[in-house]
Amino acid sequence: MPDERELVERFLRNRDEESFLLLYRLFTPLLYPLAVHLAGDASAAEEAVQELWVRVVRKLSDFRWESQLRTWLTGILIRCCAEKNRTGTRPYIEINEELEDPKSTFDPELRIDLQSALAMLPDRQRAVFLLHDLEGYTHEEIGALLGIESGTSKSQLFHARKLLRSYLSGGKHV
């Protein structure tokens, strides 16, 4: 299988479906889980990923290989999810009661799963948390993707972790 640069060059040269599908199959499994976390549910994530690829077809010729292709795609996906969140209401995510331990000393009404806790974070904090802790991006890379300073990324990550700890321990807000 050709590497990603060869696929991009082949797609741009021929505009062929095979090259596009290979790019799609290579990157969508990496990007979709992030989209689910950013968008809040599978349906919104699917729409964001679809919009990502529509934009990629239009803008791929502008990509200059100054970063990894995955980083560029992630930036587009973040913008697609942010636009989706601005134009619609965030989906309500129910607390996952199946995870509750009947012997637990915690009040069941205060228990919450990680997905619900992530959905409660402000958009920017959620994006920084996911990009840093789940995707492994550095604060400098996150800053470039989100258009913020690396120090702001560090601050947003600190506050996101603090809120997640509070949510997951049964607190309302910190």
C-alpha atoms as a PDB file:
ATOM      1  CA  MET A   1       0.000   0.000   0.000  1.00  0.00           C
ATOM      2  CA  PRO A   2       1.349   3.454  -0.860  1.00  0.00           C
ATOM      3  CA  ASP A   3       2.226   5.823   1.984  1.00  0.00           C
ATOM      4  CA  GLU A   4      -0.004   8.792   2.795  1.00  0.00           C
ATOM      5  CA  ARG A   5       2.047  11.271   0.742  1.00  0.00           C
ATOM      6  CA  GLU A   6       1.837   9.043  -2.333  1.00  0.00           C
ATOM      7  CA  LEU A   7      -1.915   8.642  -1.823  1.00  0.00           C
ATOM      8  CA  VAL A   8      -2.406  12.391  -1.553  1.00  0.00           C
ATOM      9  CA  GLU A   9      -0.317  13.059  -4.643  1.00  0.00           C
ATOM     10  CA  ARG A  10      -2.153  10.356  -6.588  1.00  0.00           C
ATOM     11  CA  PHE A  11      -5.541  11.697  -5.514  1.00  0.00           C
ATOM     12  CA  LEU A  12      -4.621  15.269  -6.426  1.00  0.00           C
ATOM     13  CA  ARG A  13      -3.239  14.169  -9.795  1.00  0.00           C
ATOM     14  CA  ASN A  14      -6.056  11.789 -10.808  1.00  0.00           C
ATOM     15  CA  ARG A  15      -8.972  12.675  -8.520  1.00  0.00           C
ATOM     16  CA  ASP A  16      -9.618   8.935  -8.415  1.00  0.00           C
ATOM     17  CA  GLU A  17     -11.968   7.224  -6.038  1.00  0.00           C
ATOM     18  CA  GLU A  18      -9.478   4.489  -5.134  1.00  0.00           C
ATOM     19  CA  SER A  19      -6.917   6.947  -3.718  1.00  0.00           C
ATOM     20  CA  PHE A  20      -9.628   8.786  -1.805  1.00  0.00           C
ATOM     21  CA  LEU A  21     -10.995   5.559  -0.323  1.00  0.00           C
ATOM     22  CA  LEU A  22      -7.529   4.484   0.781  1.00  0.00           C
ATOM     23  CA  LEU A  23      -7.017   7.839   2.539  1.00  0.00           C
ATOM     24  CA  TYR A  24     -10.482   7.592   4.052  1.00  0.00           C
ATOM     25  CA  ARG A  25      -9.858   4.052   5.332  1.00  0.00           C
ATOM     26  CA  LEU A  26      -6.449   4.997   6.674  1.00  0.00           C
ATOM     27  CA  PHE A  27      -7.528   8.029   8.705  1.00  0.00           C
ATOM     28  CA  THR A  28     -11.211   7.680   9.571  1.00  0.00           C
ATOM     29  CA  PRO A  29     -10.662   4.964  12.214  1.00  0.00           C
ATOM     30  CA  LEU A  30      -8.149   7.286  13.894  1.00  0.00           C
ATOM     31  CA  LEU A  31     -10.382  10.361  13.740  1.00  0.00           C
ATOM     32  CA  TYR A  32     -13.844   8.962  14.425  1.00  0.00           C
ATOM     33  CA  PRO A  33     -13.336   8.243  18.172  1.00  0.00           C
ATOM     34  CA  LEU A  34     -12.175  11.829  18.681  1.00  0.00           C
ATOM     35  CA  ALA A  35     -15.217  13.053  16.745  1.00  0.00           C
ATOM     36  CA  VAL A  36     -17.528  11.064  19.043  1.00  0.00           C
ATOM     37  CA  HIS A  37     -15.988  12.700  22.102  1.00  0.00           C
ATOM     38  CA  LEU A  38     -16.000  16.184  20.604  1.00  0.00           C
ATOM     39  CA  ALA A  39     -19.456  16.026  19.037  1.00  0.00           C
ATOM     40  CA  GLY A  40     -21.139  14.215  21.916  1.00  0.00           C
ATOM     41  CA  ASP A  41     -22.776  11.306  20.118  1.00  0.00           C
ATOM     42  CA  ALA A  42     -22.274   8.908  17.222  1.00  0.00           C
ATOM     43  CA  SER A  43     -24.707  10.600  14.869  1.00  0.00           C
ATOM     44  CA  ALA A  44     -23.136  14.038  15.247  1.00  0.00           C
ATOM     45  CA  ALA A  45     -19.676  12.447  14.966  1.00  0.00           C
ATOM     46  CA  GLU A  46     -20.626  10.776  11.679  1.00  0.00           C
ATOM     47  CA  GLU A  47     -21.842  14.112  10.312  1.00  0.00           C
ATOM     48  CA  ALA A  48     -18.630  15.827  11.429  1.00  0.00           C
ATOM     49  CA  VAL A  49     -16.443  13.155   9.834  1.00  0.00           C
ATOM     50  CA  GLN A  50     -18.457  13.376   6.620  1.00  0.00           C
ATOM     51  CA  GLU A  51     -18.032  17.165   6.598  1.00  0.00           C
ATOM     52  CA  LEU A  52     -14.305  16.682   7.277  1.00  0.00           C
ATOM     53  CA  TRP A  53     -13.886  14.606   4.117  1.00  0.00           C
ATOM     54  CA  VAL A  54     -15.938  17.027   2.034  1.00  0.00           C
ATOM     55  CA  ARG A  55     -13.569  19.804   3.115  1.00  0.00           C
ATOM     56  CA  VAL A  56     -10.526  17.598   2.529  1.00  0.00           C
ATOM     57  CA  VAL A  57     -11.543  17.007  -1.092  1.00  0.00           C
ATOM     58  CA  ARG A  58     -11.787  20.777  -1.592  1.00  0.00           C
ATOM     59  CA  LYS A  59      -8.681  21.823   0.366  1.00  0.00           C
ATOM     60  CA  LEU A  60      -6.195  18.962   0.069  1.00  0.00           C
ATOM     61  CA  SER A  61      -4.223  20.822  -2.579  1.00  0.00           C
ATOM     62  CA  ASP A  62      -3.559  23.542   0.041  1.00  0.00           C
ATOM     63  CA  PHE A  63      -1.849  21.097   2.432  1.00  0.00           C
ATOM     64  CA  ARG A  64       1.890  21.878   2.484  1.00  0.00           C
ATOM     65  CA  TRP A  65       3.264  18.983   4.590  1.00  0.00           C
ATOM     66  CA  GLU A  66       4.487  21.367   7.288  1.00  0.00           C
ATOM     67  CA  SER A  67       2.806  19.062   9.806  1.00  0.00           C
ATOM     68  CA  GLN A  68       1.634  15.481   9.694  1.00  0.00           C
ATOM     69  CA  LEU A  69      -1.429  14.852   7.558  1.00  0.00           C
ATOM     70  CA  ARG A  70      -3.211  13.441  10.614  1.00  0.00           C
ATOM     71  CA  THR A  71      -2.601  16.715  12.486  1.00  0.00           C
ATOM     72  CA  TRP A  72      -4.049  18.730   9.611  1.00  0.00           C
ATOM     73  CA  LEU A  73      -7.082  16.421   9.424  1.00  0.00           C
ATOM     74  CA  THR A  74      -7.557  16.666  13.196  1.00  0.00           C
ATOM     75  CA  GLY A  75      -7.619  20.448  12.966  1.00  0.00           C
ATOM     76  CA  ILE A  76     -10.340  20.318  10.331  1.00  0.00           C
ATOM     77  CA  LEU A  77     -12.297  17.800  12.410  1.00  0.00           C
ATOM     78  CA  ILE A  78     -12.098  20.037  15.489  1.00  0.00           C
ATOM     79  CA  ARG A  79     -13.512  22.936  13.485  1.00  0.00           C
ATOM     80  CA  CYS A  80     -16.305  20.742  12.060  1.00  0.00           C
ATOM     81  CA  CYS A  81     -17.284  19.579  15.559  1.00  0.00           C
ATOM     82  CA  ALA A  82     -17.096  23.107  16.993  1.00  0.00           C
ATOM     83  CA  GLU A  83     -19.337  24.414  14.207  1.00  0.00           C
ATOM     84  CA  LYS A  84     -21.774  21.565  14.817  1.00  0.00           C
ATOM     85  CA  ASN A  85     -21.842  22.356  18.537  1.00  0.00           C
ATOM     86  CA  ARG A  86     -22.459  26.059  17.862  1.00  0.00           C
ATOM     87  CA  THR A  87     -25.312  25.492  15.419  1.00  0.00           C
ATOM     88  CA  GLY A  88     -27.164  22.818  17.339  1.00  0.00           C
ATOM     89  CA  THR A  89     -27.837  21.827  20.874  1.00  0.00           C
ATOM     90  CA  ARG A  90     -25.468  19.412  22.497  1.00  0.00           C
ATOM     91  CA  PRO A  91     -27.078  16.014  22.897  1.00  0.00           C
ATOM     92  CA  TYR A  92     -28.201  14.926  26.324  1.00  0.00           C
ATOM     93  CA  ILE A  93     -26.132  11.965  27.430  1.00  0.00           C
ATOM     94  CA  GLU A  94     -27.726   9.818  30.093  1.00  0.00           C
ATOM     95  CA  ILE A  95     -25.824   8.602  33.088  1.00  0.00           C
ATOM     96  CA  ASN A  96     -24.782   5.001  32.510  1.00  0.00           C
ATOM     97  CA  GLU A  97     -26.455   3.194  35.395  1.00  0.00           C
ATOM     98  CA  GLU A  98     -25.133  -0.211  34.296  1.00  0.00           C
ATOM     99  CA  LEU A  99     -21.713   0.754  35.614  1.00  0.00           C
ATOM    100  CA  GLU A 100     -22.964   1.338  39.119  1.00  0.00           C
ATOM    101  CA  ASP A 101     -21.734  -1.052  41.775  1.00  0.00           C
ATOM    102  CA  PRO A 102     -24.650  -1.979  44.066  1.00  0.00           C
ATOM    103  CA  LYS A 103     -22.225  -2.249  47.005  1.00  0.00           C
ATOM    104  CA  SER A 104     -20.870   1.234  46.403  1.00  0.00           C
ATOM    105  CA  THR A 105     -21.060   3.734  49.228  1.00  0.00           C
ATOM    106  CA  PHE A 106     -21.547   6.563  46.742  1.00  0.00           C
ATOM    107  CA  ASP A 107     -25.040   7.914  46.157  1.00  0.00           C
ATOM    108  CA  PRO A 108     -26.151   6.354  42.810  1.00  0.00           C
ATOM    109  CA  GLU A 109     -27.674   9.663  41.728  1.00  0.00           C
ATOM    110  CA  LEU A 110     -24.236  11.288  41.860  1.00  0.00           C
ATOM    111  CA  ARG A 111     -22.444   8.617  39.812  1.00  0.00           C
ATOM    112  CA  ILE A 112     -21.584   9.544  36.299  1.00  0.00           C
ATOM    113  CA  ASP A 113     -19.602   7.868  33.540  1.00  0.00           C
ATOM    114  CA  LEU A 114     -16.638   9.396  31.768  1.00  0.00           C
ATOM    115  CA  GLN A 115     -18.497  10.065  28.514  1.00  0.00           C
ATOM    116  CA  SER A 116     -21.129  12.094  30.312  1.00  0.00           C
ATOM    117  CA  ALA A 117     -18.456  13.949  32.267  1.00  0.00           C
ATOM    118  CA  LEU A 118     -16.612  14.785  29.049  1.00  0.00           C
ATOM    119  CA  ALA A 119     -19.845  16.083  27.529  1.00  0.00           C
ATOM    120  CA  MET A 120     -20.206  18.484  30.470  1.00  0.00           C
ATOM    121  CA  LEU A 121     -16.831  20.119  29.874  1.00  0.00           C
ATOM    122  CA  PRO A 122     -16.714  23.407  27.992  1.00  0.00           C
ATOM    123  CA  ASP A 123     -15.848  22.786  24.331  1.00  0.00           C
ATOM    124  CA  ARG A 124     -12.286  24.148  24.491  1.00  0.00           C
ATOM    125  CA  GLN A 125     -11.407  22.200  27.658  1.00  0.00           C
ATOM    126  CA  ARG A 126     -12.850  19.001  26.207  1.00  0.00           C
ATOM    127  CA  ALA A 127     -10.877  19.451  22.986  1.00  0.00           C
ATOM    128  CA  VAL A 128      -7.597  20.082  24.837  1.00  0.00           C
ATOM    129  CA  PHE A 129      -8.166  17.116  27.174  1.00  0.00           C
ATOM    130  CA  LEU A 130      -8.949  14.746  24.312  1.00  0.00           C
ATOM    131  CA  LEU A 131      -6.110  15.935  22.112  1.00  0.00           C
ATOM    132  CA  HIS A 132      -3.542  15.776  24.922  1.00  0.00           C
ATOM    133  CA  ASP A 133      -4.580  12.830  27.075  1.00  0.00           C
ATOM    134  CA  LEU A 134      -6.248  10.598  24.477  1.00  0.00           C
ATOM    135  CA  GLU A 135      -4.531  11.522  21.211  1.00  0.00           C
ATOM    136  CA  GLY A 136      -1.069  12.337  22.600  1.00  0.00           C
ATOM    137  CA  TYR A 137      -0.599  15.772  21.044  1.00  0.00           C
ATOM    138  CA  THR A 138       1.831  18.183  22.729  1.00  0.00           C
ATOM    139  CA  HIS A 139       0.661  21.539  24.048  1.00  0.00           C
ATOM    140  CA  GLU A 140       2.482  23.237  21.179  1.00  0.00           C
ATOM    141  CA  GLU A 141       0.637  21.082  18.628  1.00  0.00           C
ATOM    142  CA  ILE A 142      -2.680  21.683  20.394  1.00  0.00           C
ATOM    143  CA  GLY A 143      -1.994  25.403  20.370  1.00  0.00           C
ATOM    144  CA  ALA A 144      -1.441  25.303  16.624  1.00  0.00           C
ATOM    145  CA  LEU A 145      -4.564  23.204  16.044  1.00  0.00           C
ATOM    146  CA  LEU A 146      -6.830  25.390  18.192  1.00  0.00           C
ATOM    147  CA  GLY A 147      -5.206  28.756  17.564  1.00  0.00           C
ATOM    148  CA  ILE A 148      -4.179  29.263  21.194  1.00  0.00           C
ATOM    149  CA  GLU A 149      -0.901  29.625  23.094  1.00  0.00           C
ATOM    150  CA  SER A 150       0.669  26.474  24.546  1.00  0.00           C
ATOM    151  CA  GLY A 151       0.289  28.001  28.017  1.00  0.00           C
ATOM    152  CA  THR A 152      -3.446  28.360  27.410  1.00  0.00           C
ATOM    153  CA  SER A 153      -3.541  24.699  26.384  1.00  0.00           C
ATOM    154  CA  LYS A 154      -1.824  23.738  29.653  1.00  0.00           C
ATOM    155  CA  SER A 155      -4.286  25.845  31.643  1.00  0.00           C
ATOM    156  CA  GLN A 156      -7.291  24.392  29.806  1.00  0.00           C
ATOM    157  CA  LEU A 157      -5.997  20.866  30.450  1.00  0.00           C
ATOM    158  CA  PHE A 158      -5.537  21.610  34.153  1.00  0.00           C
ATOM    159  CA  HIS A 159      -9.093  22.945  34.461  1.00  0.00           C
ATOM    160  CA  ALA A 160     -10.534  20.072  32.384  1.00  0.00           C
ATOM    161  CA  ARG A 161      -8.882  17.481  34.630  1.00  0.00           C
ATOM    162  CA  LYS A 162     -10.056  19.330  37.731  1.00  0.00           C
ATOM    163  CA  LEU A 163     -13.658  19.419  36.472  1.00  0.00           C
ATOM    164  CA  LEU A 164     -13.536  15.759  35.421  1.00  0.00           C
ATOM    165  CA  ARG A 165     -12.285  14.737  38.869  1.00  0.00           C
ATOM    166  CA  SER A 166     -15.095  16.728  40.431  1.00  0.00           C
ATOM    167  CA  TYR A 167     -17.764  15.291  38.127  1.00  0.00           C
ATOM    168  CA  LEU A 168     -16.509  11.721  38.543  1.00  0.00           C
ATOM    169  CA  SER A 169     -16.241  11.968  42.321  1.00  0.00           C
ATOM    170  CA  GLY A 170     -19.865  13.062  42.551  1.00  0.00           C
ATOM    171  CA  GLY A 171     -19.340  16.798  42.879  1.00  0.00           C
ATOM    172  CA  LYS A 172     -21.361  19.190  40.825  1.00  0.00           C
ATOM    173  CA  HIS A 173     -18.748  21.805  39.866  1.00  0.00           C
ATOM    174  CA  VAL A 174     -15.481  23.051  41.261  1.00  0.00           C
END
